[in-house]
Amino acid sequence: MIQGSGRCHYHPERAGVGVCVECRRVICRECTTQFEGINRCASCLGQRLKALEGPGERRDWTVGHVMLALVGFGLVWGGVYLLAQVAS
């Protein structure tokens, strides 16, 4: 589809009735959804709703996470110990 042709980006056989404010694509009546008083296409609306949901589900620590934390702590502690030895 040629941008600005007045045809729906998702349905080229249909006339466009609006422009999505997120992706700036021409969209037809079936593709446009007003959310927060603004026209958005289904793809951009899905992204917007996902962003509004907030962070995903928090997961418990696995053995790998614990091992990584212990290695990180050991590296930090070892660095501090070496710096203390050099300073004295």
PDB file of N, CA and C in Angstrom:
ATOM      1  N   MET A   1       0.835  -1.186   0.000  1.00  0.00           N
ATOM      2  CA  MET A   1       0.000   0.000   0.000  1.00  0.00           C
ATOM      3  C   MET A   1       0.875   1.242   0.000  1.00  0.00           C
ATOM      4  N   ILE A   2       0.493   2.220  -0.754  1.00  0.00           N
ATOM      5  CA  ILE A   2       1.203   3.490  -0.795  1.00  0.00           C
ATOM      6  C   ILE A   2       0.679   4.343   0.347  1.00  0.00           C
ATOM      7  N   GLN A   3       1.605   4.828   1.202  1.00  0.00           N
ATOM      8  CA  GLN A   3       1.183   5.641   2.329  1.00  0.00           C
ATOM      9  C   GLN A   3       0.508   6.915   1.835  1.00  0.00           C
ATOM     10  N   GLY A   4      -0.598   7.271   2.460  1.00  0.00           N
ATOM     11  CA  GLY A   4      -1.333   8.466   2.078  1.00  0.00           C
ATOM     12  C   GLY A   4      -2.320   8.217   0.962  1.00  0.00           C
ATOM     13  N   SER A   5      -2.523   6.931   0.583  1.00  0.00           N
ATOM     14  CA  SER A   5      -3.431   6.625  -0.518  1.00  0.00           C
ATOM     15  C   SER A   5      -4.891   6.664  -0.088  1.00  0.00           C
ATOM     16  N   GLY A   6      -5.164   6.724   1.208  1.00  0.00           N
ATOM     17  CA  GLY A   6      -6.545   6.736   1.680  1.00  0.00           C
ATOM     18  C   GLY A   6      -7.156   5.362   1.796  1.00  0.00           C
ATOM     19  N   ARG A   7      -6.351   4.319   1.633  1.00  0.00           N
ATOM     20  CA  ARG A   7      -6.812   2.939   1.761  1.00  0.00           C
ATOM     21  C   ARG A   7      -6.273   2.375   3.073  1.00  0.00           C
ATOM     22  N   CYS A   8      -7.028   1.482   3.685  1.00  0.00           N
ATOM     23  CA  CYS A   8      -6.632   0.873   4.958  1.00  0.00           C
ATOM     24  C   CYS A   8      -5.326   0.098   4.797  1.00  0.00           C
ATOM     25  N   HIS A   9      -4.424   0.270   5.749  1.00  0.00           N
ATOM     26  CA  HIS A   9      -3.145  -0.442   5.720  1.00  0.00           C
ATOM     27  C   HIS A   9      -3.348  -1.944   5.828  1.00  0.00           C
ATOM     28  N   TYR A  10      -4.308  -2.374   6.653  1.00  0.00           N
ATOM     29  CA  TYR A  10      -4.546  -3.792   6.893  1.00  0.00           C
ATOM     30  C   TYR A  10      -5.529  -4.400   5.895  1.00  0.00           C
ATOM     31  N   HIS A  11      -6.407  -3.586   5.311  1.00  0.00           N
ATOM     32  CA  HIS A  11      -7.409  -4.024   4.337  1.00  0.00           C
ATOM     33  C   HIS A  11      -7.363  -3.082   3.128  1.00  0.00           C
ATOM     34  N   PRO A  12      -6.444  -3.282   2.198  1.00  0.00           N
ATOM     35  CA  PRO A  12      -6.272  -2.353   1.079  1.00  0.00           C
ATOM     36  C   PRO A  12      -7.526  -2.161   0.220  1.00  0.00           C
ATOM     37  N   GLU A  13      -8.467  -3.092   0.287  1.00  0.00           N
ATOM     38  CA  GLU A  13      -9.700  -2.952  -0.501  1.00  0.00           C
ATOM     39  C   GLU A  13     -10.701  -1.995   0.148  1.00  0.00           C
ATOM     40  N   ARG A  14     -10.444  -1.578   1.391  1.00  0.00           N
ATOM     41  CA  ARG A  14     -11.362  -0.691   2.122  1.00  0.00           C
ATOM     42  C   ARG A  14     -10.812   0.732   2.180  1.00  0.00           C
ATOM     43  N   ALA A  15     -11.735   1.682   2.203  1.00  0.00           N
ATOM     44  CA  ALA A  15     -11.352   3.088   2.334  1.00  0.00           C
ATOM     45  C   ALA A  15     -10.948   3.377   3.777  1.00  0.00           C
ATOM     46  N   GLY A  16      -9.937   4.186   3.942  1.00  0.00           N
ATOM     47  CA  GLY A  16      -9.494   4.578   5.270  1.00  0.00           C
ATOM     48  C   GLY A  16     -10.370   5.682   5.829  1.00  0.00           C
ATOM     49  N   VAL A  17     -10.633   5.630   7.146  1.00  0.00           N
ATOM     50  CA  VAL A  17     -11.451   6.666   7.790  1.00  0.00           C
ATOM     51  C   VAL A  17     -10.668   7.448   8.836  1.00  0.00           C
ATOM     52  N   GLY A  18      -9.455   6.995   9.116  1.00  0.00           N
ATOM     53  CA  GLY A  18      -8.659   7.686  10.127  1.00  0.00           C
ATOM     54  C   GLY A  18      -7.216   7.262  10.050  1.00  0.00           C
ATOM     55  N   VAL A  19      -6.418   7.858  10.924  1.00  0.00           N
ATOM     56  CA  VAL A  19      -4.990   7.565  10.996  1.00  0.00           C
ATOM     57  C   VAL A  19      -4.665   7.181  12.436  1.00  0.00           C
ATOM     58  N   CYS A  20      -3.946   6.088  12.608  1.00  0.00           N
ATOM     59  CA  CYS A  20      -3.506   5.664  13.941  1.00  0.00           C
ATOM     60  C   CYS A  20      -2.469   6.666  14.439  1.00  0.00           C
ATOM     61  N   VAL A  21      -2.658   7.159  15.657  1.00  0.00           N
ATOM     62  CA  VAL A  21      -1.739   8.168  16.197  1.00  0.00           C
ATOM     63  C   VAL A  21      -0.378   7.575  16.560  1.00  0.00           C
ATOM     64  N   GLU A  22      -0.298   6.267  16.746  1.00  0.00           N
ATOM     65  CA  GLU A  22       0.962   5.634  17.119  1.00  0.00           C
ATOM     66  C   GLU A  22       1.826   5.355  15.884  1.00  0.00           C
ATOM     67  N   CYS A  23       1.293   4.595  14.929  1.00  0.00           N
ATOM     68  CA  CYS A  23       2.093   4.176  13.771  1.00  0.00           C
ATOM     69  C   CYS A  23       1.853   5.038  12.536  1.00  0.00           C
ATOM     70  N   ARG A  24       0.875   5.948  12.590  1.00  0.00           N
ATOM     71  CA  ARG A  24       0.553   6.873  11.502  1.00  0.00           C
ATOM     72  C   ARG A  24       0.063   6.170  10.241  1.00  0.00           C
ATOM     73  N   ARG A  25      -0.510   4.970  10.375  1.00  0.00           N
ATOM     74  CA  ARG A  25      -1.055   4.240   9.231  1.00  0.00           C
ATOM     75  C   ARG A  25      -2.523   4.591   9.058  1.00  0.00           C
ATOM     76  N   VAL A  26      -2.964   4.611   7.798  1.00  0.00           N
ATOM     77  CA  VAL A  26      -4.378   4.826   7.500  1.00  0.00           C
ATOM     78  C   VAL A  26      -5.119   3.543   7.850  1.00  0.00           C
ATOM     79  N   ILE A  27      -6.251   3.680   8.551  1.00  0.00           N
ATOM     80  CA  ILE A  27      -7.022   2.511   8.964  1.00  0.00           C
ATOM     81  C   ILE A  27      -8.493   2.693   8.630  1.00  0.00           C
ATOM     82  N   CYS A  28      -9.182   1.568   8.398  1.00  0.00           N
ATOM     83  CA  CYS A  28     -10.606   1.594   8.059  1.00  0.00           C
ATOM     84  C   CYS A  28     -11.457   1.592   9.336  1.00  0.00           C
ATOM     85  N   ARG A  29     -12.761   1.639   9.155  1.00  0.00           N
ATOM     86  CA  ARG A  29     -13.688   1.682  10.290  1.00  0.00           C
ATOM     87  C   ARG A  29     -13.547   0.443  11.179  1.00  0.00           C
ATOM     88  N   GLU A  30     -13.330  -0.721  10.590  1.00  0.00           N
ATOM     89  CA  GLU A  30     -13.212  -1.953  11.368  1.00  0.00           C
ATOM     90  C   GLU A  30     -11.899  -2.032  12.141  1.00  0.00           C
ATOM     91  N   CYS A  31     -10.875  -1.347  11.655  1.00  0.00           N
ATOM     92  CA  CYS A  31      -9.558  -1.415  12.302  1.00  0.00           C
ATOM     93  C   CYS A  31      -9.348  -0.351  13.361  1.00  0.00           C
ATOM     94  N   THR A  32     -10.141   0.704  13.356  1.00  0.00           N
ATOM     95  CA  THR A  32      -9.911   1.793  14.296  1.00  0.00           C
ATOM     96  C   THR A  32     -10.623   1.534  15.618  1.00  0.00           C
ATOM     97  N   THR A  33      -9.941   1.849  16.688  1.00  0.00           N
ATOM     98  CA  THR A  33     -10.509   1.758  18.034  1.00  0.00           C
ATOM     99  C   THR A  33     -10.128   3.028  18.766  1.00  0.00           C
ATOM    100  N   GLN A  34     -11.109   3.675  19.363  1.00  0.00           N
ATOM    101  CA  GLN A  34     -10.801   4.865  20.154  1.00  0.00           C
ATOM    102  C   GLN A  34     -10.495   4.433  21.570  1.00  0.00           C
ATOM    103  N   PHE A  35      -9.313   4.791  22.022  1.00  0.00           N
ATOM    104  CA  PHE A  35      -8.874   4.506  23.385  1.00  0.00           C
ATOM    105  C   PHE A  35      -8.284   5.787  23.919  1.00  0.00           C
ATOM    106  N   GLU A  36      -8.767   6.230  25.042  1.00  0.00           N
ATOM    107  CA  GLU A  36      -8.379   7.504  25.633  1.00  0.00           C
ATOM    108  C   GLU A  36      -8.704   8.650  24.675  1.00  0.00           C
ATOM    109  N   GLY A  37      -9.777   8.477  23.879  1.00  0.00           N
ATOM    110  CA  GLY A  37     -10.225   9.504  22.945  1.00  0.00           C
ATOM    111  C   GLY A  37      -9.367   9.646  21.709  1.00  0.00           C
ATOM    112  N   ILE A  38      -8.508   8.667  21.442  1.00  0.00           N
ATOM    113  CA  ILE A  38      -7.572   8.740  20.324  1.00  0.00           C
ATOM    114  C   ILE A  38      -7.709   7.480  19.477  1.00  0.00           C
ATOM    115  N   ASN A  39      -7.652   7.648  18.127  1.00  0.00           N
ATOM    116  CA  ASN A  39      -7.712   6.503  17.220  1.00  0.00           C
ATOM    117  C   ASN A  39      -6.408   5.726  17.247  1.00  0.00           C
ATOM    118  N   ARG A  40      -6.539   4.402  17.399  1.00  0.00           N
ATOM    119  CA  ARG A  40      -5.383   3.512  17.326  1.00  0.00           C
ATOM    120  C   ARG A  40      -5.784   2.264  16.552  1.00  0.00           C
ATOM    121  N   CYS A  41      -4.816   1.677  15.854  1.00  0.00           N
ATOM    122  CA  CYS A  41      -5.091   0.405  15.179  1.00  0.00           C
ATOM    123  C   CYS A  41      -4.978  -0.720  16.218  1.00  0.00           C
ATOM    124  N   ALA A  42      -5.406  -1.912  15.852  1.00  0.00           N
ATOM    125  CA  ALA A  42      -5.427  -3.032  16.794  1.00  0.00           C
ATOM    126  C   ALA A  42      -4.026  -3.367  17.297  1.00  0.00           C
ATOM    127  N   SER A  43      -3.039  -3.310  16.422  1.00  0.00           N
ATOM    128  CA  SER A  43      -1.671  -3.630  16.817  1.00  0.00           C
ATOM    129  C   SER A  43      -1.151  -2.646  17.859  1.00  0.00           C
ATOM    130  N   CYS A  44      -1.312  -1.357  17.596  1.00  0.00           N
ATOM    131  CA  CYS A  44      -0.827  -0.335  18.529  1.00  0.00           C
ATOM    132  C   CYS A  44      -1.643  -0.323  19.816  1.00  0.00           C
ATOM    133  N   LEU A  45      -2.933  -0.604  19.722  1.00  0.00           N
ATOM    134  CA  LEU A  45      -3.770  -0.666  20.921  1.00  0.00           C
ATOM    135  C   LEU A  45      -3.311  -1.797  21.822  1.00  0.00           C
ATOM    136  N   GLY A  46      -2.983  -2.950  21.233  1.00  0.00           N
ATOM    137  CA  GLY A  46      -2.484  -4.076  22.021  1.00  0.00           C
ATOM    138  C   GLY A  46      -1.205  -3.736  22.745  1.00  0.00           C
ATOM    139  N   GLN A  47      -0.291  -3.042  22.068  1.00  0.00           N
ATOM    140  CA  GLN A  47       0.965  -2.623  22.702  1.00  0.00           C
ATOM    141  C   GLN A  47       0.696  -1.637  23.826  1.00  0.00           C
ATOM    142  N   ARG A  48      -0.246  -0.719  23.608  1.00  0.00           N
ATOM    143  CA  ARG A  48      -0.572   0.297  24.616  1.00  0.00           C
ATOM    144  C   ARG A  48      -1.179  -0.354  25.858  1.00  0.00           C
ATOM    145  N   LEU A  49      -2.105  -1.290  25.659  1.00  0.00           N
ATOM    146  CA  LEU A  49      -2.739  -1.969  26.790  1.00  0.00           C
ATOM    147  C   LEU A  49      -1.730  -2.806  27.559  1.00  0.00           C
ATOM    148  N   LYS A  50      -0.813  -3.441  26.844  1.00  0.00           N
ATOM    149  CA  LYS A  50       0.225  -4.238  27.509  1.00  0.00           C
ATOM    150  C   LYS A  50       1.111  -3.349  28.372  1.00  0.00           C
ATOM    151  N   ALA A  51       1.440  -2.158  27.879  1.00  0.00           N
ATOM    152  CA  ALA A  51       2.265  -1.225  28.642  1.00  0.00           C
ATOM    153  C   ALA A  51       1.533  -0.730  29.884  1.00  0.00           C
ATOM    154  N   LEU A  52       0.212  -0.584  29.792  1.00  0.00           N
ATOM    155  CA  LEU A  52      -0.573  -0.102  30.936  1.00  0.00           C
ATOM    156  C   LEU A  52      -0.760  -1.165  32.007  1.00  0.00           C
ATOM    157  N   GLU A  53      -0.594  -2.443  31.649  1.00  0.00           N
ATOM    158  CA  GLU A  53      -0.778  -3.527  32.614  1.00  0.00           C
ATOM    159  C   GLU A  53       0.298  -3.524  33.690  1.00  0.00           C
ATOM    160  N   GLY A  54       1.445  -2.969  33.391  1.00  0.00           N
ATOM    161  CA  GLY A  54       2.517  -2.919  34.370  1.00  0.00           C
ATOM    162  C   GLY A  54       3.474  -4.075  34.205  1.00  0.00           C
ATOM    163  N   PRO A  55       4.351  -4.242  35.182  1.00  0.00           N
ATOM    164  CA  PRO A  55       5.364  -5.293  35.078  1.00  0.00           C
ATOM    165  C   PRO A  55       4.734  -6.681  35.104  1.00  0.00           C
ATOM    166  N   GLY A  56       5.456  -7.620  34.540  1.00  0.00           N
ATOM    167  CA  GLY A  56       4.973  -8.996  34.489  1.00  0.00           C
ATOM    168  C   GLY A  56       4.990  -9.665  35.850  1.00  0.00           C
ATOM    169  N   GLU A  57       4.645 -10.923  35.845  1.00  0.00           N
ATOM    170  CA  GLU A  57       4.566 -11.702  37.072  1.00  0.00           C
ATOM    171  C   GLU A  57       5.957 -11.892  37.677  1.00  0.00           C
ATOM    172  N   ARG A  58       6.043 -11.729  38.988  1.00  0.00           N
ATOM    173  CA  ARG A  58       7.321 -11.911  39.671  1.00  0.00           C
ATOM    174  C   ARG A  58       7.542 -13.400  39.910  1.00  0.00           C
ATOM    175  N   ARG A  59       8.748 -13.840  39.652  1.00  0.00           N
ATOM    176  CA  ARG A  59       9.070 -15.267  39.799  1.00  0.00           C
ATOM    177  C   ARG A  59       9.965 -15.490  41.007  1.00  0.00           C
ATOM    178  N   ASP A  60       9.892 -16.678  41.560  1.00  0.00           N
ATOM    179  CA  ASP A  60      10.740 -17.041  42.693  1.00  0.00           C
ATOM    180  C   ASP A  60      12.173 -17.268  42.227  1.00  0.00           C
ATOM    181  N   TRP A  61      13.081 -17.234  43.171  1.00  0.00           N
ATOM    182  CA  TRP A  61      14.488 -17.470  42.864  1.00  0.00           C
ATOM    183  C   TRP A  61      14.703 -18.946  42.549  1.00  0.00           C
ATOM    184  N   THR A  62      15.494 -19.202  41.525  1.00  0.00           N
ATOM    185  CA  THR A  62      15.870 -20.563  41.184  1.00  0.00           C
ATOM    186  C   THR A  62      17.288 -20.806  41.694  1.00  0.00           C
ATOM    187  N   VAL A  63      17.761 -22.020  41.563  1.00  0.00           N
ATOM    188  CA  VAL A  63      19.121 -22.360  41.983  1.00  0.00           C
ATOM    189  C   VAL A  63      20.121 -21.524  41.197  1.00  0.00           C
ATOM    190  N   GLY A  64      19.861 -21.305  39.917  1.00  0.00           N
ATOM    191  CA  GLY A  64      20.757 -20.493  39.091  1.00  0.00           C
ATOM    192  C   GLY A  64      20.852 -19.064  39.588  1.00  0.00           C
ATOM    193  N   HIS A  65      19.722 -18.491  40.011  1.00  0.00           N
ATOM    194  CA  HIS A  65      19.728 -17.123  40.537  1.00  0.00           C
ATOM    195  C   HIS A  65      20.547 -17.039  41.828  1.00  0.00           C
ATOM    196  N   VAL A  66      20.386 -18.022  42.690  1.00  0.00           N
ATOM    197  CA  VAL A  66      21.119 -18.039  43.959  1.00  0.00           C
ATOM    198  C   VAL A  66      22.615 -18.170  43.698  1.00  0.00           C
ATOM    199  N   MET A  67      22.982 -19.048  42.784  1.00  0.00           N
ATOM    200  CA  MET A  67      24.408 -19.229  42.471  1.00  0.00           C
ATOM    201  C   MET A  67      25.001 -17.952  41.876  1.00  0.00           C
ATOM    202  N   LEU A  68      24.273 -17.315  40.988  1.00  0.00           N
ATOM    203  CA  LEU A  68      24.756 -16.075  40.391  1.00  0.00           C
ATOM    204  C   LEU A  68      24.926 -14.984  41.459  1.00  0.00           C
ATOM    205  N   ALA A  69      23.990 -14.901  42.395  1.00  0.00           N
ATOM    206  CA  ALA A  69      24.101 -13.917  43.478  1.00  0.00           C
ATOM    207  C   ALA A  69      25.315 -14.218  44.356  1.00  0.00           C
ATOM    208  N   LEU A  70      25.563 -15.484  44.657  1.00  0.00           N
ATOM    209  CA  LEU A  70      26.715 -15.853  45.476  1.00  0.00           C
ATOM    210  C   LEU A  70      28.031 -15.544  44.765  1.00  0.00           C
ATOM    211  N   VAL A  71      28.107 -15.822  43.476  1.00  0.00           N
ATOM    212  CA  VAL A  71      29.319 -15.515  42.709  1.00  0.00           C
ATOM    213  C   VAL A  71      29.535 -14.002  42.682  1.00  0.00           C
ATOM    214  N   GLY A  72      28.476 -13.238  42.449  1.00  0.00           N
ATOM    215  CA  GLY A  72      28.593 -11.779  42.449  1.00  0.00           C
ATOM    216  C   GLY A  72      29.051 -11.252  43.789  1.00  0.00           C
ATOM    217  N   PHE A  73      28.479 -11.772  44.868  1.00  0.00           N
ATOM    218  CA  PHE A  73      28.886 -11.366  46.212  1.00  0.00           C
ATOM    219  C   PHE A  73      30.349 -11.703  46.457  1.00  0.00           C
ATOM    220  N   GLY A  74      30.777 -12.891  46.026  1.00  0.00           N
ATOM    221  CA  GLY A  74      32.171 -13.299  46.199  1.00  0.00           C
ATOM    222  C   GLY A  74      33.120 -12.391  45.441  1.00  0.00           C
ATOM    223  N   LEU A  75      32.747 -11.985  44.226  1.00  0.00           N
ATOM    224  CA  LEU A  75      33.599 -11.080  43.447  1.00  0.00           C
ATOM    225  C   LEU A  75      33.709  -9.714  44.110  1.00  0.00           C
ATOM    226  N   VAL A  76      32.598  -9.202  44.602  1.00  0.00           N
ATOM    227  CA  VAL A  76      32.620  -7.903  45.278  1.00  0.00           C
ATOM    228  C   VAL A  76      33.449  -7.997  46.555  1.00  0.00           C
ATOM    229  N   TRP A  77      33.222  -9.032  47.348  1.00  0.00           N
ATOM    230  CA  TRP A  77      33.971  -9.205  48.593  1.00  0.00           C
ATOM    231  C   TRP A  77      35.457  -9.366  48.315  1.00  0.00           C
ATOM    232  N   GLY A  78      35.804 -10.148  47.279  1.00  0.00           N
ATOM    233  CA  GLY A  78      37.207 -10.343  46.919  1.00  0.00           C
ATOM    234  C   GLY A  78      37.854  -9.037  46.478  1.00  0.00           C
ATOM    235  N   GLY A  79      37.125  -8.216  45.730  1.00  0.00           N
ATOM    236  CA  GLY A  79      37.651  -6.920  45.313  1.00  0.00           C
ATOM    237  C   GLY A  79      37.904  -6.004  46.488  1.00  0.00           C
ATOM    238  N   VAL A  80      36.972  -5.972  47.423  1.00  0.00           N
ATOM    239  CA  VAL A  80      37.146  -5.145  48.624  1.00  0.00           C
ATOM    240  C   VAL A  80      38.329  -5.646  49.435  1.00  0.00           C
ATOM    241  N   TYR A  81      38.476  -6.961  49.557  1.00  0.00           N
ATOM    242  CA  TYR A  81      39.584  -7.536  50.307  1.00  0.00           C
ATOM    243  C   TYR A  81      40.935  -7.183  49.665  1.00  0.00           C
ATOM    244  N   LEU A  82      41.002  -7.283  48.340  1.00  0.00           N
ATOM    245  CA  LEU A  82      42.248  -6.926  47.644  1.00  0.00           C
ATOM    246  C   LEU A  82      42.582  -5.442  47.802  1.00  0.00           C
ATOM    247  N   LEU A  83      41.589  -4.598  47.715  1.00  0.00           N
ATOM    248  CA  LEU A  83      41.808  -3.159  47.896  1.00  0.00           C
ATOM    249  C   LEU A  83      42.293  -2.857  49.313  1.00  0.00           C
ATOM    250  N   ALA A  84      41.763  -3.573  50.310  1.00  0.00           N
ATOM    251  CA  ALA A  84      42.190  -3.384  51.689  1.00  0.00           C
ATOM    252  C   ALA A  84      43.647  -3.820  51.867  1.00  0.00           C
ATOM    253  N   GLN A  85      44.044  -4.888  51.189  1.00  0.00           N
ATOM    254  CA  GLN A  85      45.433  -5.379  51.279  1.00  0.00           C
ATOM    255  C   GLN A  85      46.399  -4.402  50.622  1.00  0.00           C
ATOM    256  N   VAL A  86      45.999  -3.819  49.504  1.00  0.00           N
ATOM    257  CA  VAL A  86      46.864  -2.881  48.795  1.00  0.00           C
ATOM    258  C   VAL A  86      46.987  -1.578  49.596  1.00  0.00           C
ATOM    259  N   ALA A  87      45.927  -1.132  50.245  1.00  0.00           N
ATOM    260  CA  ALA A  87      45.935   0.120  50.988  1.00  0.00           C
ATOM    261  C   ALA A  87      46.770   0.000  52.273  1.00  0.00           C
ATOM    262  N   SER A  88      46.950  -1.197  52.806  1.00  0.00           N
ATOM    263  CA  SER A  88      47.683  -1.313  54.066  1.00  0.00           C
ATOM    264  C   SER A  88      49.150  -1.567  53.886  1.00  0.00           C
TER     265      SER A  88
END
